[in-house]
Amino acid sequence: MQETTPTAAKLLAQAWYHAYRPDPDPTTAYREAVRAVEEVACPLVLPNNHKATLGTVIAHLRDAVAKWETVLFGTGAAPGGPEPVQELMSRLWTGQVSRHGGSKNSCDQDQAEAEAAVHAAVLLVQWLSTDVLSRKSEGTGT
C-alpha cells in the first residue's frame, strides 16, 4: 500500500480550506485539488516520468487499459479496469478552466466546481494511496 505523501495531504487541506473558508477562493481550491491528485497519481502511474502531469496520467490510463485494474469489480466479478479512476481524473482535469490564461474559455472556477473538485480529489487521493488502482502483475497474460 502506498501511503499518502505529506504534500498530498497538505494540498488537500489547502484545497478544503480555500473551498470552505468564510470568504472562499474557488479557483485556488480547484488548483490545489488537482495538485493533490497529481502528487499521488504521477509517481504511481508514471514513476519514471518526472515531468508527468494529471493529463499525461489520464492519457496513459486511457491508452494502457489492459495494464491496470481496480478492486472495484467489473462484469462477471472480475477485477475492473481503470476506467472509473481515469474518468474521474479526466473530469477533474478538463473542468479546470482557470488553468490556462489567454484562452476564450479561461475563467475563474465557481464555488460549485471547487467543492466538487475538492471532494473528487479526496476520493482519488484515497483510492490511489490504498491500491484501489494497481498495475496488473506481469504473470496475468496481459
Protein backbone atom coordinates (compact mmCIF):
# COMPACT_ATOMS: atom_id res chain seq x y z
CA MET A 1 0.00 0.00 0.00
CA GLN A 2 1.32 3.43 -0.99
CA GLU A 3 0.82 5.98 1.76
CA THR A 4 -0.43 9.49 1.07
CA THR A 5 2.53 11.83 0.97
CA PRO A 6 2.52 14.75 3.38
CA THR A 7 2.46 17.02 0.33
CA ALA A 8 -0.77 15.45 -1.00
CA ALA A 9 -2.34 15.71 2.43
CA LYS A 10 -1.21 19.33 2.74
CA LEU A 11 -2.56 20.16 -0.72
CA LEU A 12 -5.91 18.55 0.12
CA ALA A 13 -6.06 20.55 3.34
CA GLN A 14 -5.33 23.74 1.43
CA ALA A 15 -7.96 22.88 -1.20
CA TRP A 16 -10.54 22.24 1.53
CA TYR A 17 -9.62 25.46 3.33
CA HIS A 18 -9.94 27.59 0.19
CA ALA A 19 -13.26 25.96 -0.74
CA TYR A 20 -14.90 26.25 2.68
CA ARG A 21 -13.34 29.26 4.41
CA PRO A 22 -15.69 32.19 5.22
CA ASP A 23 -14.50 34.04 2.08
CA PRO A 24 -13.93 31.12 -0.34
CA ASP A 25 -11.40 31.18 -3.17
CA PRO A 26 -12.82 28.59 -5.61
CA THR A 27 -10.05 28.91 -8.20
CA THR A 28 -7.32 28.25 -5.63
CA ALA A 29 -9.34 25.40 -4.12
CA TYR A 30 -9.68 23.74 -7.53
CA ARG A 31 -6.00 24.20 -8.36
CA GLU A 32 -4.85 22.67 -5.07
CA ALA A 33 -7.26 19.75 -5.54
CA VAL A 34 -5.70 18.95 -8.91
CA ARG A 35 -2.20 19.28 -7.48
CA ALA A 36 -3.06 16.87 -4.64
CA VAL A 37 -4.17 14.23 -7.13
CA GLU A 38 -1.07 14.77 -9.26
CA GLU A 39 1.11 14.34 -6.17
CA VAL A 40 -0.09 10.76 -5.79
CA ALA A 41 -1.07 9.81 -9.35
CA CYS A 42 2.11 10.80 -11.19
CA PRO A 43 4.58 8.67 -9.22
CA LEU A 44 2.13 5.75 -9.08
CA VAL A 45 1.21 5.62 -12.76
CA LEU A 46 4.29 7.15 -14.42
CA PRO A 47 7.13 6.69 -11.90
CA ASN A 48 9.90 7.30 -14.46
CA ASN A 49 8.37 10.45 -15.94
CA HIS A 50 9.47 13.33 -13.75
CA LYS A 51 7.52 15.80 -15.91
CA ALA A 52 4.22 13.93 -15.63
CA THR A 53 1.01 15.86 -15.11
CA LEU A 54 -2.51 14.71 -14.46
CA GLY A 55 -3.06 15.00 -18.21
CA THR A 56 -0.26 12.54 -19.01
CA VAL A 57 -1.54 10.14 -16.33
CA ILE A 58 -5.04 10.26 -17.84
CA ALA A 59 -3.65 9.63 -21.34
CA HIS A 60 -1.59 6.69 -20.09
CA LEU A 61 -4.54 5.08 -18.31
CA ARG A 62 -6.70 5.57 -21.41
CA ASP A 63 -4.06 4.05 -23.70
CA ALA A 64 -2.93 1.24 -21.36
CA VAL A 65 -6.27 -0.01 -20.02
CA ALA A 66 -5.11 -3.63 -20.16
CA LYS A 67 -2.18 -2.91 -17.83
CA TRP A 68 -4.26 -1.59 -14.91
CA GLU A 69 -7.03 -2.86 -12.68
CA THR A 70 -9.13 -1.69 -9.77
CA VAL A 71 -10.52 -3.51 -6.79
CA LEU A 72 -13.95 -2.41 -7.97
CA PHE A 73 -15.40 -5.45 -9.67
CA GLY A 74 -16.20 -5.39 -13.35
CA THR A 75 -18.50 -7.66 -15.31
CA GLY A 76 -18.57 -11.24 -14.06
CA ALA A 77 -16.92 -10.38 -10.72
CA ALA A 78 -13.53 -9.94 -12.42
CA PRO A 79 -11.28 -7.09 -11.34
CA GLY A 80 -12.45 -3.95 -13.02
CA GLY A 81 -10.37 -1.80 -15.30
CA PRO A 82 -9.01 1.66 -14.57
CA GLU A 83 -11.89 3.46 -16.31
CA PRO A 84 -13.63 4.80 -13.16
CA VAL A 85 -10.37 6.32 -11.92
CA GLN A 86 -9.42 7.63 -15.35
CA GLU A 87 -12.88 9.15 -15.90
CA LEU A 88 -12.93 10.97 -12.57
CA MET A 89 -9.40 12.26 -13.18
CA SER A 90 -10.43 13.39 -16.65
CA ARG A 91 -13.45 15.30 -15.35
CA LEU A 92 -11.27 16.99 -12.73
CA TRP A 93 -8.59 17.87 -15.30
CA THR A 94 -10.81 19.15 -18.10
CA GLY A 95 -13.01 21.03 -15.66
CA GLN A 96 -10.13 23.22 -14.53
CA VAL A 97 -10.91 26.07 -16.94
CA SER A 98 -8.81 28.51 -14.90
CA ARG A 99 -5.59 26.60 -15.68
CA HIS A 100 -4.60 28.48 -18.86
CA GLY A 101 -4.86 32.21 -19.34
CA GLY A 102 -5.48 33.86 -22.67
CA SER A 103 -7.96 31.27 -23.89
CA LYS A 104 -11.51 32.32 -24.73
CA ASN A 105 -12.70 29.54 -22.39
CA SER A 106 -10.46 30.55 -19.49
CA CYS A 107 -12.27 31.85 -16.44
CA ASP A 108 -12.21 31.52 -12.67
CA GLN A 109 -13.79 28.44 -11.11
CA ASP A 110 -17.10 28.88 -9.33
CA GLN A 111 -17.95 27.61 -5.86
CA ALA A 112 -19.86 24.53 -7.00
CA GLU A 113 -16.97 23.48 -9.27
CA ALA A 114 -14.47 23.98 -6.46
CA GLU A 115 -16.46 21.91 -3.98
CA ALA A 116 -16.94 19.10 -6.50
CA ALA A 117 -13.22 19.18 -7.35
CA VAL A 118 -12.16 19.04 -3.71
CA HIS A 119 -14.38 16.05 -2.98
CA ALA A 120 -13.28 14.27 -6.18
CA ALA A 121 -9.66 14.88 -5.19
CA VAL A 122 -10.22 13.44 -1.71
CA LEU A 123 -11.65 10.27 -3.26
CA LEU A 124 -8.90 9.98 -5.87
CA VAL A 125 -6.10 10.52 -3.37
CA GLN A 126 -7.62 7.89 -1.09
CA TRP A 127 -8.03 5.41 -3.95
CA LEU A 128 -4.53 6.00 -5.32
CA SER A 129 -2.98 5.77 -1.86
CA THR A 130 -4.63 2.49 -0.92
CA ASP A 131 -4.13 0.34 -4.03
CA VAL A 132 -7.66 0.68 -5.39
CA LEU A 133 -5.83 1.21 -8.70
CA SER A 134 -2.88 -1.06 -9.38
CA ARG A 135 -0.75 -2.25 -12.24
CA LYS A 136 -1.60 -5.78 -13.28
CA SER A 137 1.11 -8.26 -12.46
CA GLU A 138 3.23 -9.47 -15.39
CA GLY A 139 2.02 -13.05 -14.96
CA THR A 140 -1.62 -12.33 -15.83
CA GLY A 141 -1.04 -12.65 -19.56
CA THR A 142 -1.76 -9.01 -20.32
